[in-house]
């Protein structure tokens, strides 16, 4: 990997991951071989999912990370198989291929996370304000489908809604409610494009009382109703699936 001011030499084989806004480049020496995969924001959000560890994976993906291979044969085999499976499924266009690809990508991210994990490290900038934001982020990942209100999050964090509002607007330029809605919106788009669930099923899964409530919510954020979004995506699916688009990291 290299940037305009420095260069780090990696000896193959290795698994390398760069954030989508990284200035670094990967250069292969003559005779080398490798595979490059770019993942769009919606696909990455679906890969990360909403389990608690997704928070740490998002933080990990803010920086370049490299995992040298060759030391642990079982790990190397799992990584090689995952990369091979992704390549096969990307070419086959068989039903459910996106589910398989996302599962393999999740495995690769977990291997990177295990390699970089430091139980004693502070996950983000130290300080009480960022500590609350970190915990808020975790709670959103776990509870956004339960339709928690801002007051529910504030109570769980042991703070007030005003203090939480001040922290998110100052640090993230968005209110707590906007962040919660953005997470729900992102999950809705993933379900509409990656699943065969009906609109009623998606609405229920995301905690809405009725599909009409879900449709109104989705249209307000996306500009089109969920049914139209799904139809439009069917057209987009005819194009190459994995492209570089907007950043998926909504958090600091």
Protein backbone atom coordinates (compact mmCIF):
# COMPACT_ATOMS: atom_id res chain seq x y z
CA UNK A 1 0.00 0.00 0.00
CA UNK A 2 1.22 3.49 -0.65
CA UNK A 3 0.19 7.12 -0.34
CA UNK A 4 1.88 10.25 -1.72
CA UNK A 5 4.26 10.48 1.22
CA UNK A 6 5.08 6.93 2.27
CA UNK A 7 5.01 3.33 1.12
CA UNK A 8 4.53 0.09 3.01
CA UNK A 9 5.77 -3.09 1.39
CA UNK A 10 3.64 -6.17 1.90
CA UNK A 11 4.89 -9.63 1.13
CA UNK A 12 2.33 -11.86 -0.54
CA UNK A 13 0.06 -13.50 0.23
CA UNK A 14 -1.97 -10.95 2.17
CA UNK A 15 -5.54 -9.73 2.58
CA UNK A 16 -5.73 -5.93 2.35
CA UNK A 17 -8.71 -3.68 3.01
CA UNK A 18 -8.83 0.05 2.28
CA UNK A 19 -11.60 2.50 3.25
CA UNK A 20 -13.52 3.84 0.29
CA UNK A 21 -12.08 7.33 0.73
CA UNK A 22 -8.50 6.15 1.19
CA UNK A 23 -5.68 7.95 -0.60
CA UNK A 24 -3.56 4.80 -0.54
CA UNK A 25 -3.00 2.72 -3.62
CA UNK A 26 -2.09 -0.94 -4.02
CA UNK A 27 0.65 -1.66 -6.53
CA UNK A 28 1.62 -5.17 -7.57
CA UNK A 29 5.16 -5.87 -8.67
CA UNK A 30 5.77 -7.56 -12.00
CA UNK A 31 4.84 -11.22 -11.82
CA UNK A 32 2.45 -10.72 -8.93
CA UNK A 33 -1.22 -11.62 -9.06
CA UNK A 34 -4.19 -10.52 -7.04
CA UNK A 35 -7.91 -9.81 -6.97
CA UNK A 36 -9.57 -6.45 -6.31
CA UNK A 37 -13.11 -6.02 -5.01
CA UNK A 38 -14.95 -2.72 -4.53
CA UNK A 39 -18.11 -2.77 -2.42
CA UNK A 40 -20.82 -0.14 -2.51
CA UNK A 41 -22.34 1.44 0.56
CA UNK A 42 -25.61 -0.49 0.59
CA UNK A 43 -23.89 -3.84 0.11
CA UNK A 44 -21.41 -3.09 2.89
CA UNK A 45 -24.19 -2.07 5.28
CA UNK A 46 -25.88 -5.39 4.60
CA UNK A 47 -22.59 -7.27 5.06
CA UNK A 48 -22.03 -5.66 8.46
CA UNK A 49 -25.58 -6.35 9.62
CA UNK A 50 -26.92 -5.14 12.94
CA UNK A 51 -25.16 -7.31 15.47
CA UNK A 52 -23.15 -5.51 18.20
CA UNK A 53 -19.80 -6.37 16.60
CA UNK A 54 -20.87 -4.39 13.52
CA UNK A 55 -19.95 -1.27 15.46
CA UNK A 56 -16.33 -2.36 15.86
CA UNK A 57 -16.17 -3.51 12.25
CA UNK A 58 -17.26 -0.05 11.10
CA UNK A 59 -14.54 1.56 13.18
CA UNK A 60 -11.96 -0.90 11.86
CA UNK A 61 -12.89 -0.06 8.27
CA UNK A 62 -12.07 3.60 8.74
CA UNK A 63 -8.36 2.81 8.39
CA UNK A 64 -6.31 0.67 6.00
CA UNK A 65 -5.68 -2.80 7.35
CA UNK A 66 -3.57 -5.69 6.06
CA UNK A 67 -3.58 -9.31 7.18
CA UNK A 68 -0.43 -11.23 6.17
CA UNK A 69 -1.17 -14.85 5.29
CA UNK A 70 0.96 -17.93 5.57
CA UNK A 71 1.27 -18.31 9.35
CA UNK A 72 -2.03 -20.08 10.09
CA UNK A 73 -2.97 -22.70 7.46
CA UNK A 74 -6.60 -23.07 8.61
CA UNK A 75 -7.16 -19.32 8.46
CA UNK A 76 -5.48 -19.11 5.05
CA UNK A 77 -7.73 -21.88 3.74
CA UNK A 78 -10.88 -20.16 4.98
CA UNK A 79 -9.85 -16.86 3.41
CA UNK A 80 -8.88 -18.50 0.11
CA UNK A 81 -12.18 -20.37 -0.05
CA UNK A 82 -14.15 -17.20 0.71
CA UNK A 83 -12.40 -15.23 -2.05
CA UNK A 84 -12.88 -18.10 -4.50
CA UNK A 85 -16.58 -18.39 -3.66
CA UNK A 86 -17.12 -14.65 -4.13
CA UNK A 87 -15.56 -14.84 -7.58
CA UNK A 88 -17.72 -17.79 -8.61
CA UNK A 89 -20.98 -16.31 -7.34
CA UNK A 90 -20.28 -12.92 -8.94
CA UNK A 91 -20.07 -14.64 -12.32
CA UNK A 92 -22.95 -17.11 -11.95
CA UNK A 93 -25.84 -14.68 -11.30
CA UNK A 94 -27.73 -17.53 -9.67
CA UNK A 95 -30.64 -16.94 -7.25
CA UNK A 96 -29.38 -16.04 -3.79
CA UNK A 97 -25.89 -15.22 -5.00
CA UNK A 98 -25.85 -11.90 -3.14
CA UNK A 99 -26.59 -13.69 0.13
CA UNK A 100 -23.63 -16.01 -0.44
CA UNK A 101 -21.32 -13.16 -1.47
CA UNK A 102 -22.27 -11.07 1.57
CA UNK A 103 -21.74 -14.05 3.88
CA UNK A 104 -18.24 -14.60 2.49
CA UNK A 105 -17.42 -10.90 2.79
CA UNK A 106 -18.55 -10.97 6.40
CA UNK A 107 -16.16 -13.86 7.05
CA UNK A 108 -13.28 -11.91 5.51
CA UNK A 109 -14.06 -8.87 7.67
CA UNK A 110 -14.14 -11.02 10.80
CA UNK A 111 -10.68 -12.38 9.96
CA UNK A 112 -9.40 -8.81 9.57
CA UNK A 113 -11.07 -7.80 12.82
CA UNK A 114 -9.53 -10.68 14.75
CA UNK A 115 -6.14 -9.73 13.38
CA UNK A 116 -6.49 -6.08 14.44
CA UNK A 117 -8.51 -6.54 17.62
CA UNK A 118 -7.06 -5.07 20.81
CA UNK A 119 -9.24 -5.64 23.86
CA UNK A 120 -7.41 -2.91 25.76
CA UNK A 121 -7.72 -0.27 23.05
CA UNK A 122 -10.17 2.59 23.38
CA UNK A 123 -12.49 2.14 20.39
CA UNK A 124 -12.75 5.81 19.47
CA UNK A 125 -11.38 9.10 20.72
CA UNK A 126 -11.27 9.08 24.49
CA UNK A 127 -13.50 11.31 26.53
CA UNK A 128 -16.97 11.13 28.07
CA UNK A 129 -18.76 12.75 25.11
CA UNK A 130 -17.42 10.28 22.57
CA UNK A 131 -17.96 7.46 25.04
CA UNK A 132 -21.68 8.23 25.05
CA UNK A 133 -21.73 8.44 21.25
CA UNK A 134 -20.01 5.07 21.08
CA UNK A 135 -22.62 3.48 23.35
CA UNK A 136 -25.43 5.22 21.47
CA UNK A 137 -24.12 3.72 18.26
CA UNK A 138 -24.13 0.26 19.79
CA UNK A 139 -27.67 0.69 21.09
CA UNK A 140 -28.93 1.87 17.70
CA UNK A 141 -27.45 -1.20 16.01
CA UNK A 142 -29.16 -3.48 18.51
CA UNK A 143 -32.51 -1.74 18.95
CA UNK A 144 -33.39 0.22 15.80
CA UNK A 145 -35.83 -2.50 14.70
CA UNK A 146 -37.60 -2.21 18.04
CA UNK A 147 -38.50 1.38 17.13
CA UNK A 148 -36.93 2.83 20.25
CA UNK A 149 -37.62 6.52 20.79
CA UNK A 150 -34.86 9.02 21.48
CA UNK A 151 -35.99 9.07 25.11
CA UNK A 152 -35.46 5.30 25.31
CA UNK A 153 -31.87 5.68 24.13
CA UNK A 154 -31.21 8.59 26.48
CA UNK A 155 -32.58 6.62 29.44
CA UNK A 156 -30.47 3.58 28.55
CA UNK A 157 -27.39 5.82 28.33
CA UNK A 158 -28.13 7.52 31.63
CA UNK A 159 -28.31 10.95 30.01
CA UNK A 160 -30.95 13.42 28.86
CA UNK A 161 -32.42 13.80 25.39
CA UNK A 162 -31.09 17.38 25.27
CA UNK A 163 -27.54 16.29 26.05
CA UNK A 164 -27.71 13.47 23.53
CA UNK A 165 -29.10 15.88 20.93
CA UNK A 166 -26.30 18.36 21.58
CA UNK A 167 -23.60 15.68 21.26
CA UNK A 168 -24.85 14.23 17.98
CA UNK A 169 -25.52 17.58 16.34
CA UNK A 170 -22.10 18.92 17.35
CA UNK A 171 -20.13 15.78 16.48
CA UNK A 172 -22.16 14.33 13.60
CA UNK A 173 -24.22 17.29 12.37
CA UNK A 174 -27.40 15.23 12.72
CA UNK A 175 -29.96 14.75 15.46
CA UNK A 176 -30.36 11.42 17.26
CA UNK A 177 -33.68 10.88 15.47
CA UNK A 178 -32.06 11.46 12.08
CA UNK A 179 -29.36 8.90 12.86
CA UNK A 180 -31.95 6.35 13.98
CA UNK A 181 -34.03 6.97 10.86
CA UNK A 182 -30.98 6.70 8.62
CA UNK A 183 -30.14 3.30 10.10
CA UNK A 184 -33.71 2.09 9.57
CA UNK A 185 -33.73 3.52 6.06
CA UNK A 186 -30.48 1.74 5.19
CA UNK A 187 -31.83 -1.57 6.48
CA UNK A 188 -35.05 -1.09 4.53
CA UNK A 189 -33.13 -0.57 1.28
CA UNK A 190 -31.06 -3.68 1.96
CA UNK A 191 -34.20 -5.76 2.51
CA UNK A 192 -35.91 -4.36 -0.58
CA UNK A 193 -32.92 -5.17 -2.79
CA UNK A 194 -31.54 -8.31 -1.14
CA UNK A 195 -34.63 -10.24 -0.03
CA UNK A 196 -37.95 -11.55 -1.33
CA UNK A 197 -39.84 -10.29 1.71
CA UNK A 198 -43.13 -8.55 0.98
CA UNK A 199 -43.62 -4.93 1.98
CA UNK A 200 -45.83 -6.08 4.86
CA UNK A 201 -43.12 -8.44 6.07
CA UNK A 202 -40.43 -5.77 5.83
CA UNK A 203 -42.63 -3.29 7.68
CA UNK A 204 -43.22 -5.80 10.49
CA UNK A 205 -39.53 -6.77 10.61
CA UNK A 206 -38.54 -3.12 11.02
CA UNK A 207 -41.09 -2.55 13.78
CA UNK A 208 -43.71 -0.56 11.89
CA UNK A 209 -47.33 -1.10 12.88
CA UNK A 210 -48.51 -1.20 9.26
CA UNK A 211 -47.05 -1.21 5.76
CA UNK A 212 -48.64 2.19 5.10
CA UNK A 213 -46.61 3.67 7.97
CA UNK A 214 -43.47 2.06 6.57
CA UNK A 215 -44.22 3.34 3.06
CA UNK A 216 -44.69 6.89 4.31
CA UNK A 217 -41.43 6.69 6.27
CA UNK A 218 -39.48 5.30 3.32
CA UNK A 219 -40.88 7.77 0.81
CA UNK A 220 -39.99 10.71 3.04
CA UNK A 221 -36.32 9.65 3.16
CA UNK A 222 -35.87 8.12 -0.29
CA UNK A 223 -38.22 10.23 -2.38
CA UNK A 224 -40.08 7.23 -3.82
CA UNK A 225 -42.29 4.56 -2.19
CA UNK A 226 -40.64 1.23 -1.33
CA UNK A 227 -42.47 -0.64 -4.08
CA UNK A 228 -41.13 1.72 -6.73
CA UNK A 229 -37.65 1.56 -5.23
CA UNK A 230 -37.72 -2.25 -5.53
CA UNK A 231 -38.87 -2.07 -9.17
CA UNK A 232 -36.14 0.43 -10.00
CA UNK A 233 -33.57 -1.80 -8.35
CA UNK A 234 -34.64 -4.72 -10.55
CA UNK A 235 -33.41 -2.63 -13.48
CA UNK A 236 -30.18 -1.76 -11.68
CA UNK A 237 -29.55 -5.44 -10.95
CA UNK A 238 -29.00 -6.01 -14.65
CA UNK A 239 -25.80 -3.96 -14.30
CA UNK A 240 -22.61 -5.09 -12.48
CA UNK A 241 -23.50 -5.45 -8.84
CA UNK A 242 -20.41 -4.36 -6.98
CA UNK A 243 -19.47 -0.76 -7.67
CA UNK A 244 -18.03 2.08 -5.64
CA UNK A 245 -20.69 4.47 -4.38
CA UNK A 246 -21.40 6.55 -1.32
CA UNK A 247 -19.68 6.00 1.98
CA UNK A 248 -21.52 3.63 4.29
CA UNK A 249 -19.97 4.91 7.52
CA UNK A 250 -22.44 7.24 9.17
CA UNK A 251 -20.62 7.38 12.46
CA UNK A 252 -17.43 8.98 13.70
